[in-house]
Amino acid sequence: MEKDHKLTPFYTKLLEYANSNTVSHDVPGHKLGQVHNDMMDYAGNKMYKLDANAPRGLDNLNRPTGVIMEAADLMADAFGAEKAYFLTGGTTMGILAMIMSTCRAKEKIILPRNVHKSAINALILSGAIPIFVKPYIDQELGIANHITFEDVKKAILDNPDAKAVFVINPTYFGVTSNLKKIVDFAHARDMMVIVDEAHGSHFPFSAQLPIGAMEAGADMSSCSLHKTVGSLTQSSILITQGALVDHIRLRSTINMIQSTSPSSLLLSSLDVARKTIYFEGPIQIPKLIEMARKTRAEIDLIPGLRSIGKADFLKKKAFNYDETKIIVKVSDLGITGFDVYKELFDEHHIQLELAETHLILAVLSIGTKQKDLDALVVALRAVSEKIMPMGLEPIQPKIKYIFPEAYTRPREAYHAPKKYVPLNQAVDEIAAESVMIYPPGIPIVIPGELISQDILDDLDFYQRSGSVILSDTEGGYIKIIDKEYWEKWSELYEDE
C-alpha cells in the first residue's frame, strides 16, 4: 500500500498534546515551559511545550505500537527499507547497535581502518575481532578514503568465518566504494553487510547522488539525518532489510543503549525532516549540486587554491562521489587547512565542517543558500590575497601512511591492566585507549594496536596545529597495557 508522506504521525500527536493544556505532574521538571530560564528568553516556551515525556498517546520508543511505529514505517518507506528504528543517540548509537547485534565475542568483522570511533567502541563492547581493510590513501590530499572491492574480496576470502562486512557510504569526504558489488559478494558467502551512512542520509532522494545502502542491498544502515537532511542534532535512524537481520536481538541491543527518556523534540524532528526531504529532496538536491559545481569553478580561479571534485576522486579508483561536499586544497598557499579553518571563522564568520593538513571541507544541504556559497568564495579570495604575496613554499604531501599493527583485540586491551607513560616513552607499547582527531573522529590508534613513532609524530603535528585531540589522558601522557601484570603477555613468554 502506498504511504502518505504528507503525514507526520508523531509530530502531529505531539503538537496536539502541547496545545491540550494538560496539567503536568510528570517529568520533565520544567513542566512544559513553566520554569522560566535564559534559553526561553531566546527560543520561547513553545520548544519546552514540545519537550514531553511519553504521555498517553505519544507511544514508547523502546516498544512502539502507535504513532512512533507509524512514523518509523513512513521513514522505512522513504528510504526503501523494510524497517526503521528512531535513534536519539546519533549514528554512534546505530553503529553500536548494528555491530553488537551482529557480532559476539571473538567473532570476526571486516571493516576499513578509517572507521569512526563508534565502530571501535562497538568492537570493545561486543568483543568482536576486527579484520581491517586498508583504505585508499590519497597522497595528494593526505587523507584516507574509500576501500576497493578487490581489497574487501581478499579479506572475505581470507576470513570466510567473518560474520559481517562494515562499509562507510560515503566517507567523511564524500567518496563511496562499490557497495553493490561488495554486498553481492558478501551475501554469496552468507556475510551480512552493515553500513555507516552518517554522511549519506540524502542519497536516496536524488538520482544524481551515489546509491544508498538499501538500494545496494545492504542489510543494515545507520543514517545521521541531522547531518545532511535537517533533523535536530543527535537524531538518527537505523534502517534494515532482508532475512539476515535478527530483529529481536537488534531491538534488544538498541533498548540496552538508548535512553528510556528519549527527547520528543529529536523524535519529532526526524518525522518532519523525513517529510521535507521526501518531497523537497528530488527538487532541491539537483539545484544544490549545480550551485556547488559553479562554486568549485569560482574557487579554481583563486590563486593558490584548487577545488577537489568528482573527477579527481574517480581518477583515484573511487566508485562515486557526493557532489554536495566542497573540498578545497589550500596547502599550495604554504599554509594548512587548519590555518584556513581558523581564519575563515575568526575573520569571516564562516564555520567549516573540518580541516586537514592540505584541505578544508564544507558540507552542504538543501538548507544551503547561494549567498552562503558566495560568502565562502569571497572569504577564500581574501585568504589568497593575504597569503600569496608572502611567497610561502607549498606544503608537501606526507610520504608514507602506516596504519598501526594490531596486537590484540580491542576488548581485551580495554580490560587489560594499564599504566600511563609519557608519549615519548610509548614507542612499541600496546595502546589501551583510542586517540583521535575530532572532527572527523577517526582514531589514529585504538586499544590493542602497537604505538609507532609515526603515530606519535602525527599526534604531535595535530597538537601543534591546534586540533581537538580526543583521548582518555592529558598532559603529554598515553594509556598503555601494563605488560608486567598482563596475563596474556606472561603466557606468551611461558609458551616460548
Protein backbone atom coordinates (compact mmCIF):
# COMPACT_ATOMS: atom_id res chain seq x y z
CA MET A 1 0.00 0.00 0.00
CA GLU A 2 1.36 3.41 -0.95
CA LYS A 3 2.32 5.53 2.05
CA ASP A 4 1.12 9.09 2.54
CA HIS A 5 4.31 11.02 3.22
CA LYS A 6 2.43 14.23 3.91
CA LEU A 7 1.64 12.71 7.30
CA THR A 8 3.81 13.32 10.36
CA PRO A 9 2.24 10.93 12.91
CA PHE A 10 4.49 11.58 15.89
CA TYR A 11 4.88 15.33 15.44
CA THR A 12 1.15 15.78 14.87
CA LYS A 13 0.30 13.92 18.07
CA LEU A 14 2.99 15.79 20.00
CA LEU A 15 1.63 19.13 18.80
CA GLU A 16 -1.86 18.07 19.83
CA TYR A 17 -0.57 17.29 23.32
CA ALA A 18 1.37 20.57 23.58
CA ASN A 19 -1.82 22.51 22.80
CA SER A 20 -4.06 20.46 25.11
CA ASN A 21 -3.39 22.47 28.30
CA THR A 22 -2.80 19.20 30.17
CA VAL A 23 -1.66 19.64 33.77
CA SER A 24 1.81 18.13 34.10
CA HIS A 25 2.51 16.00 37.16
CA ASP A 26 5.17 14.01 35.34
CA VAL A 27 8.70 14.76 34.19
CA PRO A 28 10.41 16.81 32.78
CA GLY A 29 10.82 19.28 35.59
CA HIS A 30 10.27 22.38 33.52
CA LYS A 31 6.59 21.38 33.41
CA LEU A 32 6.09 22.11 29.73
CA GLY A 33 7.75 25.50 29.90
CA GLN A 34 6.63 26.76 33.32
CA VAL A 35 10.18 27.21 34.65
CA HIS A 36 11.49 30.42 33.16
CA ASN A 37 15.14 30.49 32.06
CA ASP A 38 17.55 32.31 29.74
CA MET A 39 17.05 29.89 26.85
CA MET A 40 13.31 30.53 26.97
CA ASP A 41 14.00 34.25 26.51
CA TYR A 42 15.56 33.41 23.15
CA ALA A 43 13.61 30.37 21.93
CA GLY A 44 10.27 30.92 23.62
CA ASN A 45 8.34 28.37 25.65
CA LYS A 46 6.88 26.50 22.67
CA MET A 47 10.04 24.41 22.46
CA TYR A 48 9.52 23.37 26.07
CA LYS A 49 5.87 22.55 25.43
CA LEU A 50 7.06 20.07 22.80
CA ASP A 51 9.53 18.51 25.25
CA ALA A 52 7.03 16.00 26.61
CA ASN A 53 7.98 12.68 28.18
CA ALA A 54 5.88 9.95 26.54
CA PRO A 55 2.40 10.73 27.90
CA ARG A 56 -0.57 8.62 26.83
CA GLY A 57 -0.93 8.62 23.06
CA LEU A 58 2.67 9.53 22.29
CA ASP A 59 3.86 5.91 22.23
CA ASN A 60 7.02 4.37 23.70
CA LEU A 61 10.27 4.37 21.75
CA ASN A 62 11.51 1.15 23.35
CA ARG A 63 8.38 -0.74 22.31
CA PRO A 64 6.47 1.34 19.75
CA THR A 65 2.93 0.34 18.85
CA GLY A 66 1.36 3.69 17.95
CA VAL A 67 2.50 6.97 16.40
CA ILE A 68 6.22 6.19 16.71
CA MET A 69 5.64 2.95 14.84
CA GLU A 70 3.63 4.80 12.19
CA ALA A 71 6.35 7.41 11.80
CA ALA A 72 9.02 4.71 11.59
CA ASP A 73 7.05 2.89 8.88
CA LEU A 74 6.96 6.08 6.81
CA MET A 75 10.71 6.53 7.40
CA ALA A 76 11.44 2.99 6.20
CA ASP A 77 9.34 3.54 3.10
CA ALA A 78 11.09 6.82 2.29
CA PHE A 79 14.50 5.13 2.47
CA GLY A 80 13.49 1.98 0.59
CA ALA A 81 13.92 -0.12 3.72
CA GLU A 82 11.71 -2.76 5.32
CA LYS A 83 12.04 -1.43 8.86
CA ALA A 84 13.32 1.72 10.56
CA TYR A 85 14.29 2.47 14.14
CA PHE A 86 14.41 6.03 15.51
CA LEU A 87 17.59 6.85 17.45
CA THR A 88 18.17 9.72 19.87
CA GLY A 89 21.87 8.97 20.35
CA GLY A 90 23.04 9.72 16.84
CA THR A 91 24.53 7.33 14.33
CA THR A 92 27.03 6.46 17.06
CA MET A 93 24.15 4.57 18.68
CA GLY A 94 23.22 2.99 15.35
CA ILE A 95 26.76 1.73 14.72
CA LEU A 96 26.98 0.34 18.25
CA ALA A 97 23.66 -1.45 17.78
CA MET A 98 24.48 -2.84 14.34
CA ILE A 99 27.84 -4.31 15.33
CA MET A 100 26.78 -5.51 18.78
CA SER A 101 23.69 -7.25 17.42
CA THR A 102 25.66 -8.88 14.59
CA CYS A 103 28.91 -9.98 16.25
CA ARG A 104 29.52 -11.79 19.51
CA ALA A 105 32.81 -12.05 21.37
CA LYS A 106 35.70 -13.36 19.24
CA GLU A 107 33.65 -13.34 16.03
CA LYS A 108 35.24 -11.52 13.11
CA ILE A 109 34.02 -8.42 11.32
CA ILE A 110 35.68 -6.93 8.22
CA LEU A 111 35.90 -3.16 8.24
CA PRO A 112 38.02 -0.27 6.91
CA ARG A 113 40.65 1.10 9.29
CA ASN A 114 39.34 4.66 8.88
CA VAL A 115 36.09 3.90 10.70
CA HIS A 116 34.57 6.33 13.17
CA LYS A 117 35.39 5.90 16.85
CA SER A 118 31.91 4.48 17.46
CA ALA A 119 32.83 1.38 15.45
CA ILE A 120 35.91 0.89 17.64
CA ASN A 121 33.76 1.29 20.74
CA ALA A 122 31.39 -1.32 19.31
CA LEU A 123 34.33 -3.72 18.97
CA ILE A 124 35.13 -3.18 22.64
CA LEU A 125 31.54 -3.72 23.76
CA SER A 126 30.90 -6.73 21.54
CA GLY A 127 34.31 -8.35 21.86
CA ALA A 128 34.46 -8.83 18.09
CA ILE A 129 37.76 -9.29 16.28
CA PRO A 130 38.39 -6.60 13.64
CA ILE A 131 39.79 -7.61 10.27
CA PHE A 132 40.91 -4.24 8.98
CA VAL A 133 40.99 -3.36 5.30
CA LYS A 134 43.41 -0.60 4.44
CA PRO A 135 41.56 2.28 2.77
CA TYR A 136 42.84 4.07 -0.30
CA ILE A 137 45.43 6.63 0.78
CA ASP A 138 45.19 9.86 -1.15
CA GLN A 139 48.79 11.06 -1.05
CA GLU A 140 47.97 14.40 -2.67
CA LEU A 141 45.38 15.32 -0.05
CA GLY A 142 46.86 13.41 2.86
CA ILE A 143 43.63 11.59 3.71
CA ALA A 144 42.33 8.02 3.91
CA ASN A 145 39.21 7.43 1.80
CA HIS A 146 37.30 4.55 0.20
CA ILE A 147 38.02 0.83 0.17
CA THR A 148 38.31 -1.10 -3.09
CA PHE A 149 36.22 -4.11 -3.93
CA GLU A 150 39.38 -6.13 -4.58
CA ASP A 151 40.68 -5.49 -1.04
CA VAL A 152 37.32 -6.37 0.52
CA LYS A 153 37.08 -9.50 -1.62
CA LYS A 154 40.51 -10.63 -0.42
CA ALA A 155 39.56 -10.02 3.21
CA ILE A 156 36.37 -12.05 2.76
CA LEU A 157 38.20 -14.95 1.09
CA ASP A 158 40.93 -14.87 3.75
CA ASN A 159 38.33 -14.81 6.56
CA PRO A 160 35.38 -16.95 5.42
CA ASP A 161 34.22 -17.21 9.04
CA ALA A 162 33.65 -13.45 9.36
CA LYS A 163 30.12 -12.52 10.38
CA ALA A 164 29.83 -9.23 8.54
CA VAL A 165 31.41 -6.57 6.37
CA PHE A 166 31.22 -2.96 7.53
CA VAL A 167 31.31 -0.23 4.87
CA ILE A 168 31.36 3.58 5.06
CA ASN A 169 28.96 5.08 2.50
CA PRO A 170 30.25 7.77 1.98
CA THR A 171 33.48 8.64 3.76
CA TYR A 172 33.64 11.95 5.57
CA PHE A 173 34.91 13.47 2.33
CA GLY A 174 32.01 12.17 0.21
CA VAL A 175 33.73 9.23 -1.50
CA THR A 176 31.95 5.91 -1.96
CA SER A 177 33.07 2.35 -2.66
CA ASN A 178 31.33 -0.12 -4.97
CA LEU A 179 28.80 -1.00 -2.30
CA LYS A 180 26.51 -3.08 -4.52
CA LYS A 181 29.38 -5.30 -5.65
CA ILE A 182 30.60 -5.71 -2.07
CA VAL A 183 27.09 -6.62 -0.90
CA ASP A 184 26.60 -9.21 -3.62
CA PHE A 185 29.95 -10.88 -2.93
CA ALA A 186 29.43 -10.89 0.84
CA HIS A 187 25.88 -12.22 0.62
CA ALA A 188 27.03 -15.05 -1.63
CA ARG A 189 29.18 -16.14 1.32
CA ASP A 190 26.48 -15.66 3.97
CA MET A 191 28.01 -12.49 5.40
CA MET A 192 25.91 -9.51 6.39
CA VAL A 193 26.77 -6.02 5.17
CA ILE A 194 26.24 -3.16 7.60
CA VAL A 195 26.77 0.44 6.60
CA ASP A 196 27.84 3.65 8.28
CA GLU A 197 25.76 6.13 6.30
CA ALA A 198 26.20 9.04 8.67
CA HIS A 199 27.02 11.39 5.81
CA GLY A 200 24.75 9.80 3.20
CA SER A 201 21.22 10.22 4.53
CA HIS A 202 20.29 12.30 1.48
CA PHE A 203 21.42 9.69 -1.07
CA PRO A 204 18.01 8.03 -1.64
CA PHE A 205 16.42 11.32 -2.68
CA SER A 206 18.26 12.13 -5.90
CA ALA A 207 19.48 10.05 -8.81
CA GLN A 208 22.42 12.48 -9.09
CA LEU A 209 23.86 11.15 -5.85
CA PRO A 210 25.55 7.80 -5.13
CA ILE A 211 23.17 4.96 -4.29
CA GLY A 212 22.12 4.44 -0.70
CA ALA A 213 22.73 1.31 1.35
CA MET A 214 19.24 -0.10 0.92
CA GLU A 215 19.32 0.29 -2.86
CA ALA A 216 22.68 -1.52 -2.86
CA GLY A 217 21.10 -4.42 -0.98
CA ALA A 218 22.83 -3.93 2.39
CA ASP A 219 21.25 -5.47 5.48
CA MET A 220 21.53 -2.57 7.89
CA SER A 221 22.49 1.08 7.74
CA SER A 222 22.61 3.93 10.21
CA CYS A 223 21.90 7.41 8.85
CA SER A 224 22.52 10.78 10.50
CA LEU A 225 19.50 12.72 9.31
CA HIS A 226 20.75 15.63 11.39
CA LYS A 227 23.93 15.90 9.30
CA THR A 228 22.56 16.24 5.77
CA VAL A 229 18.76 16.07 5.88
CA GLY A 230 17.79 18.58 8.55
CA SER A 231 16.60 16.92 11.74
CA LEU A 232 17.89 18.12 15.10
CA THR A 233 21.45 17.28 16.13
CA GLN A 234 21.80 13.80 17.64
CA SER A 235 18.76 12.37 15.85
CA SER A 236 19.42 9.43 13.52
CA ILE A 237 17.80 6.28 12.19
CA LEU A 238 18.76 2.65 11.76
CA ILE A 239 17.19 1.02 8.69
CA THR A 240 17.13 -2.64 7.71
CA GLN A 241 16.02 -5.12 5.09
CA GLY A 242 16.30 -8.84 4.40
CA ALA A 243 16.14 -12.10 6.31
CA LEU A 244 19.65 -11.92 7.77
CA VAL A 245 18.66 -9.28 10.33
CA ASP A 246 17.77 -10.64 13.78
CA HIS A 247 15.23 -8.00 14.83
CA ILE A 248 14.73 -9.44 18.32
CA ARG A 249 18.45 -9.12 19.07
CA LEU A 250 18.65 -5.75 17.30
CA ARG A 251 15.73 -4.28 19.25
CA SER A 252 17.16 -5.65 22.49
CA THR A 253 20.53 -4.07 21.73
CA ILE A 254 19.03 -0.69 20.82
CA ASN A 255 16.99 -0.68 24.03
CA MET A 256 20.13 -1.51 26.01
CA ILE A 257 21.98 1.60 24.82
CA GLN A 258 19.12 4.04 24.15
CA SER A 259 17.72 6.32 26.83
CA THR A 260 14.42 5.38 28.44
CA SER A 261 13.65 9.11 28.37
CA PRO A 262 14.16 9.95 24.69
CA SER A 263 13.72 13.54 23.56
CA SER A 264 10.38 14.12 21.88
CA LEU A 265 11.98 17.09 20.13
CA LEU A 266 14.50 14.78 18.46
CA LEU A 267 11.86 12.21 17.53
CA SER A 268 9.50 14.77 16.04
CA SER A 269 12.38 16.38 14.13
CA LEU A 270 13.01 13.03 12.43
CA ASP A 271 9.35 12.81 11.50
CA VAL A 272 9.19 16.26 9.88
CA ALA A 273 12.65 16.01 8.27
CA ARG A 274 11.56 12.83 6.51
CA LYS A 275 8.52 14.59 5.08
CA THR A 276 10.63 17.53 3.87
CA ILE A 277 13.40 15.51 2.20
CA TYR A 278 10.88 13.15 0.61
CA PHE A 279 9.14 15.98 -1.24
CA GLU A 280 11.87 18.62 -1.49
CA GLY A 281 14.96 16.45 -1.95
CA PRO A 282 14.30 15.42 -5.57
CA ILE A 283 13.70 19.08 -6.46
CA GLN A 284 16.34 20.84 -4.36
CA ILE A 285 19.31 18.43 -4.47
CA PRO A 286 19.91 18.84 -8.25
CA LYS A 287 19.84 22.62 -7.75
CA LEU A 288 22.28 22.29 -4.85
CA ILE A 289 24.67 20.19 -6.93
CA GLU A 290 24.62 22.78 -9.70
CA MET A 291 25.34 25.54 -7.17
CA ALA A 292 28.24 23.50 -5.79
CA ARG A 293 29.69 22.96 -9.27
CA LYS A 294 29.62 26.68 -10.00
CA THR A 295 31.22 27.40 -6.64
CA ARG A 296 34.05 24.96 -7.37
CA ALA A 297 34.64 26.70 -10.69
CA GLU A 298 34.91 30.07 -8.93
CA ILE A 299 37.29 28.68 -6.32
CA ASP A 300 39.51 27.28 -9.07
CA LEU A 301 40.06 30.85 -10.30
CA ILE A 302 41.54 31.88 -6.93
CA PRO A 303 45.38 31.79 -6.93
CA GLY A 304 46.83 29.05 -4.74
CA LEU A 305 43.54 27.19 -4.29
CA ARG A 306 42.04 24.20 -6.06
CA SER A 307 38.68 22.55 -5.55
CA ILE A 308 38.63 18.77 -5.49
CA GLY A 309 35.62 17.30 -7.27
CA LYS A 310 34.15 14.10 -8.58
CA ALA A 311 36.58 13.71 -11.50
CA ASP A 312 39.55 13.89 -9.11
CA PHE A 313 38.28 11.02 -7.00
CA LEU A 314 37.21 8.86 -9.92
CA LYS A 315 40.79 9.05 -11.22
CA LYS A 316 41.86 7.60 -7.86
CA LYS A 317 39.69 4.47 -8.17
CA ALA A 318 36.76 5.81 -6.17
CA PHE A 319 33.45 4.37 -7.28
CA ASN A 320 31.41 7.54 -6.88
CA TYR A 321 31.36 10.89 -5.12
CA ASP A 322 28.82 13.07 -3.30
CA GLU A 323 28.85 16.45 -5.01
CA THR A 324 27.15 18.17 -2.09
CA LYS A 325 30.57 18.34 -0.42
CA ILE A 326 33.08 21.06 -1.27
CA ILE A 327 36.73 20.20 -0.72
CA VAL A 328 39.38 22.85 -1.28
CA LYS A 329 43.10 22.12 -1.36
CA VAL A 330 44.81 25.05 0.36
CA SER A 331 48.33 23.77 1.08
CA ASP A 332 49.75 25.22 -2.16
CA LEU A 333 49.42 28.58 -0.44
CA GLY A 334 52.01 27.36 2.06
CA ILE A 335 49.52 27.18 4.92
CA THR A 336 47.49 24.28 6.30
CA GLY A 337 43.79 23.64 6.22
CA PHE A 338 43.82 24.24 9.97
CA ASP A 339 45.11 27.77 9.35
CA VAL A 340 42.37 28.48 6.80
CA TYR A 341 39.71 26.93 9.04
CA LYS A 342 40.61 29.34 11.85
CA GLU A 343 40.98 32.33 9.52
CA LEU A 344 37.55 31.81 7.97
CA PHE A 345 35.90 31.57 11.36
CA ASP A 346 37.79 34.36 13.12
CA GLU A 347 37.80 36.90 10.29
CA HIS A 348 34.81 35.97 8.11
CA HIS A 349 32.32 34.26 10.48
CA ILE A 350 32.30 31.10 8.34
CA GLN A 351 32.19 27.74 10.09
CA LEU A 352 33.62 24.86 8.06
CA GLU A 353 33.00 21.18 8.78
CA LEU A 354 36.65 20.27 9.20
CA ALA A 355 40.24 20.87 8.19
CA GLU A 356 43.16 18.60 7.39
CA THR A 357 46.77 19.42 6.62
CA HIS A 358 46.12 20.04 2.93
CA LEU A 359 42.41 20.81 2.72
CA ILE A 360 39.20 22.20 4.13
CA LEU A 361 35.74 20.64 3.85
CA ALA A 362 32.34 22.32 3.60
CA VAL A 363 29.20 20.17 3.93
CA LEU A 364 26.16 21.45 2.04
CA SER A 365 22.48 20.52 2.25
CA ILE A 366 19.19 21.69 0.81
CA GLY A 367 19.36 24.36 3.51
CA THR A 368 22.45 25.90 1.88
CA LYS A 369 21.72 29.18 0.07
CA GLN A 370 23.58 30.79 -2.82
CA LYS A 371 24.59 33.66 -0.54
CA ASP A 372 26.27 31.15 1.77
CA LEU A 373 28.40 29.82 -1.08
CA ASP A 374 29.13 33.36 -2.29
CA ALA A 375 30.39 34.23 1.19
CA LEU A 376 32.71 31.23 1.12
CA VAL A 377 34.20 32.28 -2.21
CA VAL A 378 34.70 35.87 -1.03
CA ALA A 379 36.41 34.68 2.15
CA LEU A 380 38.71 32.26 0.31
CA ARG A 381 39.67 35.00 -2.13
CA ALA A 382 40.59 37.22 0.82
CA VAL A 383 42.76 34.46 2.30
CA SER A 384 44.55 34.05 -1.03
CA GLU A 385 45.15 37.79 -1.37
CA LYS A 386 46.58 37.86 2.15
CA ILE A 387 48.89 34.85 1.83
CA MET A 388 50.05 34.80 -1.81
CA PRO A 389 52.32 37.89 -1.51
CA MET A 390 54.24 36.11 1.26
CA GLY A 391 55.62 33.65 -1.28
CA LEU A 392 55.44 30.66 1.05
CA GLU A 393 56.54 27.24 -0.17
CA PRO A 394 53.72 24.76 -0.78
CA ILE A 395 53.33 22.13 1.93
CA GLN A 396 54.49 18.81 0.54
CA PRO A 397 52.34 15.69 0.89
CA LYS A 398 53.29 13.19 3.54
CA ILE A 399 55.41 10.44 2.00
CA LYS A 400 54.02 7.49 3.95
CA TYR A 401 50.86 6.46 5.69
CA ILE A 402 51.23 3.47 8.01
CA PHE A 403 48.31 2.12 9.99
CA PRO A 404 49.17 0.60 13.35
CA GLU A 405 49.75 -3.11 13.75
CA ALA A 406 47.08 -4.90 15.80
CA TYR A 407 48.45 -6.96 18.68
CA THR A 408 45.24 -7.96 20.45
CA ARG A 409 41.52 -7.33 20.04
CA PRO A 410 40.19 -4.00 21.36
CA ARG A 411 38.04 -5.53 24.11
CA GLU A 412 40.96 -7.44 25.57
CA ALA A 413 43.14 -4.33 25.55
CA TYR A 414 40.36 -2.30 27.16
CA HIS A 415 40.12 -4.72 30.11
CA ALA A 416 43.86 -5.39 30.46
CA PRO A 417 45.89 -3.83 33.32
CA LYS A 418 47.06 -0.37 32.37
CA LYS A 419 49.56 2.31 33.16
CA TYR A 420 50.26 5.85 31.94
CA VAL A 421 53.52 6.78 30.27
CA PRO A 422 54.83 9.96 28.62
CA LEU A 423 54.28 9.97 24.87
CA ASN A 424 57.99 9.91 24.21
CA GLN A 425 58.23 6.59 26.07
CA ALA A 426 55.33 4.90 24.31
CA VAL A 427 57.01 3.57 21.16
CA ASP A 428 56.35 -0.18 20.70
CA GLU A 429 53.91 -0.25 23.61
CA ILE A 430 50.32 -1.52 23.22
CA ALA A 431 47.67 1.19 23.31
CA ALA A 432 44.91 0.83 25.90
CA GLU A 433 42.89 3.79 24.67
CA SER A 434 41.73 5.37 21.43
CA VAL A 435 43.34 8.62 20.38
CA MET A 436 41.58 10.56 17.65
CA ILE A 437 41.30 13.91 15.98
CA TYR A 438 37.81 15.44 16.03
CA PRO A 439 36.35 16.05 13.59
CA PRO A 440 36.22 13.57 11.91
CA GLY A 441 36.63 11.23 14.89
CA ILE A 442 38.76 8.60 13.14
CA PRO A 443 41.25 7.09 15.61
CA ILE A 444 44.95 7.25 14.81
CA VAL A 445 45.45 4.42 17.31
CA ILE A 446 42.96 2.13 19.06
CA PRO A 447 43.16 -0.25 22.04
CA GLY A 448 45.24 -3.29 21.16
CA GLU A 449 47.39 -1.62 18.50
CA LEU A 450 51.13 -1.07 18.72
CA ILE A 451 52.20 2.55 19.08
CA SER A 452 54.80 3.54 16.50
CA GLN A 453 56.94 6.64 16.14
CA ASP A 454 54.82 7.60 13.10
CA ILE A 455 51.74 7.74 15.31
CA LEU A 456 53.49 9.93 17.86
CA ASP A 457 54.76 12.23 15.10
CA ASP A 458 51.21 12.57 13.71
CA LEU A 459 49.83 13.29 17.16
CA ASP A 460 52.48 15.95 17.77
CA PHE A 461 51.63 17.63 14.46
CA TYR A 462 47.90 17.71 15.20
CA GLN A 463 48.51 19.10 18.69
CA ARG A 464 50.75 21.88 17.33
CA SER A 465 48.12 22.72 14.70
CA GLY A 466 45.52 23.35 17.39
CA SER A 467 43.33 20.35 16.56
CA VAL A 468 40.96 18.87 19.11
CA ILE A 469 42.51 15.63 20.40
CA LEU A 470 40.10 13.16 21.98
CA SER A 471 41.65 10.65 24.37
CA ASP A 472 41.39 9.46 27.96
CA THR A 473 44.59 11.18 29.04
CA GLU A 474 46.05 14.68 29.06
CA GLY A 475 49.34 16.40 29.67
CA GLY A 476 51.53 14.51 27.23
CA TYR A 477 50.70 11.02 28.50
CA ILE A 478 49.05 7.98 26.92
CA LYS A 479 47.41 4.92 28.46
CA ILE A 480 49.08 1.60 27.58
CA ILE A 481 48.78 -2.03 28.62
CA ASP A 482 50.95 -2.78 31.64
CA LYS A 483 52.62 -5.89 30.27
CA GLU A 484 54.17 -6.75 33.63
CA TYR A 485 50.73 -7.54 35.06
CA TRP A 486 49.03 -8.71 31.88
CA GLU A 487 48.30 -12.43 31.91
CA LYS A 488 48.34 -12.75 28.13
CA TRP A 489 51.83 -11.22 27.93
CA SER A 490 53.09 -13.62 30.62
CA GLU A 491 51.56 -16.60 28.82
CA LEU A 492 53.26 -15.53 25.61
CA TYR A 493 56.69 -15.81 27.20
CA GLU A 494 55.83 -19.02 29.02
CA ASP A 495 54.97 -20.61 25.65
CA GLU A 496 58.43 -19.74 24.42
